[in-house]
Amino acid sequence: MKYQIKRANELTDKEIEHILQLWDISVWNTMKPSYFRTFFKDSEFHLLLDLHSEILAVIRLNFNFMLEISGQQYGFAEAVGLVSGHRKKGYGALLVQYFKGNVTQRNMETIGFCNADLRPFYEKCNIEILYDKAKAIKENEDSEWINSEDDDILIFNISQKEKEQLSILSTQNNAYLITKE
């Protein structure tokens, strides 16, 4: 097995098709490789490959992610889209370990999110979880602030100061997702 990182413009058409198949998001299923590269231009893709360079697992690192907490803006790299092509083989867990090591080595402020049903997976991977804090993140949808659909915030690598800011999120102390153009 091999761990590899590629920017969107470095992925082959075949790799893009495979990633879209693994993600299986209906609105993206017909996405053409050229549009994919533009759409995910602010991302890099962390891949676990087999000996034939076939993708076993993928996680996307989104660099276009900013939260406003108490009037202060915090830029994070967002880990999103983790999926393994084969369940219960350990590929996803192995990729998470490579990924965490990589963002830690590069000292990248990196968080992710999950629903409560995925807690056991991330606990097994020794990823620190801020339980029930993601619901305090508001996203702007059609000019209305709505709660995030996720339950938890995953800590891959952030400073103690930023961890404290995320730890105090609540229904009375929300964070707001700031979208950059």
Protein backbone atom coordinates (compact mmCIF):
# COMPACT_ATOMS: atom_id res chain seq x y z
CA MET A 1 0.00 0.00 0.00
CA LYS A 2 1.06 3.55 -0.70
CA TYR A 3 0.04 6.92 0.76
CA GLN A 4 -0.10 9.77 -1.74
CA ILE A 5 -1.27 13.39 -1.78
CA LYS A 6 -2.49 15.10 -4.95
CA ARG A 7 -3.99 18.48 -5.72
CA ALA A 8 -7.17 18.40 -7.80
CA ASN A 9 -5.28 19.32 -10.99
CA GLU A 10 -2.88 16.39 -10.46
CA LEU A 11 -5.61 13.72 -10.38
CA THR A 12 -6.13 11.68 -13.52
CA ASP A 13 -9.57 11.44 -15.09
CA LYS A 14 -9.73 7.81 -13.93
CA GLU A 15 -8.88 8.77 -10.34
CA ILE A 16 -11.54 11.50 -10.37
CA GLU A 17 -14.15 9.07 -11.65
CA HIS A 18 -13.18 6.57 -8.94
CA ILE A 19 -13.34 9.24 -6.18
CA LEU A 20 -16.79 10.36 -7.36
CA GLN A 21 -17.92 6.73 -7.43
CA LEU A 22 -16.65 6.20 -3.87
CA TRP A 23 -18.31 9.39 -2.60
CA ASP A 24 -21.58 8.49 -4.35
CA ILE A 25 -23.16 11.95 -4.00
CA SER A 26 -25.99 12.10 -6.52
CA VAL A 27 -25.51 15.76 -7.55
CA TRP A 28 -21.80 15.07 -8.22
CA ASN A 29 -22.12 11.71 -10.00
CA THR A 30 -22.18 13.27 -13.46
CA MET A 31 -19.41 15.79 -12.74
CA LYS A 32 -16.84 15.94 -15.54
CA PRO A 33 -13.13 15.82 -14.60
CA SER A 34 -12.46 19.36 -15.84
CA TYR A 35 -15.27 20.75 -13.65
CA PHE A 36 -14.11 18.59 -10.70
CA ARG A 37 -10.64 20.14 -10.92
CA THR A 38 -12.13 23.65 -10.88
CA PHE A 39 -14.72 22.88 -8.19
CA PHE A 40 -12.09 21.38 -5.85
CA LYS A 41 -9.23 23.76 -6.73
CA ASP A 42 -8.80 24.68 -3.04
CA SER A 43 -8.40 21.06 -1.97
CA GLU A 44 -5.86 18.30 -1.86
CA PHE A 45 -6.67 14.62 -1.89
CA HIS A 46 -5.04 12.15 0.46
CA LEU A 47 -5.10 8.69 -1.06
CA LEU A 48 -4.34 5.17 0.11
CA LEU A 49 -3.43 3.15 -2.97
CA ASP A 50 -2.94 -0.55 -3.56
CA LEU A 51 0.07 -2.01 -5.40
CA HIS A 52 -1.62 -1.29 -8.75
CA SER A 53 -2.27 2.37 -7.80
CA GLU A 54 -6.01 1.76 -7.36
CA ILE A 55 -7.62 3.97 -4.71
CA LEU A 56 -8.46 2.03 -1.54
CA ALA A 57 -9.49 5.09 0.51
CA VAL A 58 -9.65 8.86 0.05
CA ILE A 59 -10.00 11.95 2.24
CA ARG A 60 -10.23 15.49 0.93
CA LEU A 61 -8.53 18.42 2.64
CA ASN A 62 -10.48 21.62 1.98
CA PHE A 63 -8.37 24.78 2.38
CA ASN A 64 -11.34 27.09 1.86
CA PHE A 65 -12.81 26.83 5.36
CA MET A 66 -13.20 29.66 7.85
CA LEU A 67 -15.18 29.98 11.07
CA GLU A 68 -16.10 33.16 12.88
CA ILE A 69 -16.24 32.70 16.64
CA SER A 70 -17.01 35.65 18.93
CA GLY A 71 -16.19 38.09 16.14
CA GLN A 72 -12.78 36.50 15.44
CA GLN A 73 -12.08 34.60 12.20
CA TYR A 74 -10.24 31.27 12.29
CA GLY A 75 -8.98 29.58 9.15
CA PHE A 76 -8.76 25.80 9.24
CA ALA A 77 -8.06 23.06 6.79
CA GLU A 78 -11.19 20.89 6.79
CA ALA A 79 -10.94 17.12 6.52
CA VAL A 80 -13.97 15.91 4.59
CA GLY A 81 -15.11 13.08 2.33
CA LEU A 82 -13.36 10.15 4.00
CA VAL A 83 -14.46 6.96 2.32
CA SER A 84 -12.99 3.51 1.84
CA GLY A 85 -13.71 1.34 -1.15
CA HIS A 86 -13.89 -1.76 1.06
CA ARG A 87 -15.52 -1.78 4.47
CA LYS A 88 -13.97 -3.47 7.50
CA LYS A 89 -10.52 -3.91 5.90
CA GLY A 90 -8.84 -1.12 7.88
CA TYR A 91 -8.10 1.07 4.86
CA GLY A 92 -10.02 4.08 6.19
CA ALA A 93 -8.34 3.82 9.62
CA LEU A 94 -4.91 3.49 8.02
CA LEU A 95 -5.52 6.53 5.82
CA VAL A 96 -6.67 8.54 8.87
CA GLN A 97 -3.36 7.72 10.61
CA TYR A 98 -1.29 8.77 7.57
CA PHE A 99 -3.43 11.88 7.18
CA LYS A 100 -3.15 12.91 10.85
CA GLY A 101 0.62 12.38 10.75
CA ASN A 102 0.90 14.47 7.60
CA VAL A 103 -1.11 17.48 8.81
CA THR A 104 0.70 17.35 12.16
CA GLN A 105 4.11 17.27 10.47
CA ARG A 106 3.09 20.20 8.22
CA ASN A 107 1.62 21.98 11.29
CA MET A 108 -1.68 22.54 9.49
CA GLU A 109 -4.62 23.63 11.64
CA THR A 110 -6.98 20.80 10.64
CA ILE A 111 -10.42 19.82 11.85
CA GLY A 112 -13.19 17.62 10.56
CA PHE A 113 -16.73 16.73 11.43
CA CYS A 114 -18.79 13.60 11.97
CA ASN A 115 -22.20 12.36 12.98
CA ALA A 116 -22.61 10.56 16.28
CA ASP A 117 -22.81 7.14 14.58
CA LEU A 118 -19.18 7.55 13.37
CA ARG A 119 -17.77 8.27 16.83
CA PRO A 120 -16.62 4.67 17.45
CA PHE A 121 -14.56 4.72 14.22
CA TYR A 122 -12.75 7.95 15.11
CA GLU A 123 -12.32 6.90 18.74
CA LYS A 124 -10.67 3.70 17.50
CA CYS A 125 -8.40 5.86 15.32
CA ASN A 126 -7.43 7.93 18.42
CA ILE A 127 -8.78 11.14 16.93
CA GLU A 128 -9.77 13.67 19.58
CA ILE A 129 -13.49 14.47 19.40
CA LEU A 130 -15.29 17.54 20.68
CA TYR A 131 -18.63 15.87 21.29
CA ASP A 132 -21.84 17.65 20.26
CA LYS A 133 -20.00 20.88 19.34
CA ALA A 134 -20.60 20.89 15.57
CA LYS A 135 -24.31 21.68 16.03
CA ALA A 136 -23.23 25.11 17.29
CA ILE A 137 -21.78 25.92 13.87
CA LYS A 138 -24.19 27.92 11.74
CA GLU A 139 -24.14 27.76 7.94
CA ASN A 140 -25.75 30.34 5.67
CA GLU A 141 -28.36 28.75 3.45
CA ASP A 142 -30.66 30.95 1.37
CA SER A 143 -29.86 34.00 3.55
CA GLU A 144 -30.76 32.08 6.70
CA TRP A 145 -28.39 30.75 9.39
CA ILE A 146 -29.03 27.05 10.05
CA ASN A 147 -27.31 24.56 12.33
CA SER A 148 -24.72 22.20 10.91
CA GLU A 149 -25.96 18.67 10.25
CA ASP A 150 -22.89 17.19 11.96
CA ASP A 151 -22.70 16.35 15.65
CA ASP A 152 -19.02 16.42 16.52
CA ILE A 153 -15.82 18.26 15.67
CA LEU A 154 -12.78 16.08 14.96
CA ILE A 155 -9.39 17.43 16.01
CA PHE A 156 -6.60 16.34 13.67
CA ASN A 157 -4.13 19.12 14.52
CA ILE A 158 -4.91 22.52 16.05
CA SER A 159 -3.41 24.84 18.63
CA GLN A 160 -4.57 24.76 22.23
CA LYS A 161 -6.03 28.28 21.82
CA GLU A 162 -8.20 27.24 18.88
CA LYS A 163 -9.22 24.02 20.61
CA GLU A 164 -10.41 26.10 23.58
CA GLN A 165 -12.45 28.31 21.22
CA LEU A 166 -14.12 25.26 19.67
CA SER A 167 -14.65 23.65 23.09
CA ILE A 168 -16.80 26.52 24.34
CA LEU A 169 -19.20 26.44 21.40
CA SER A 170 -22.84 26.07 22.48
CA THR A 171 -26.33 27.17 21.57
CA GLN A 172 -25.48 30.49 23.25
CA ASN A 173 -22.01 30.73 21.66
CA ASN A 174 -22.22 29.85 17.97
CA ALA A 175 -19.58 29.75 15.26
CA TYR A 176 -20.44 30.91 11.76
CA LEU A 177 -19.12 29.36 8.58
CA ILE A 178 -17.68 32.16 6.45
CA THR A 179 -17.65 31.45 2.75
CA LYS A 180 -14.86 32.98 0.74
CA GLU A 181 -15.47 33.84 -2.90
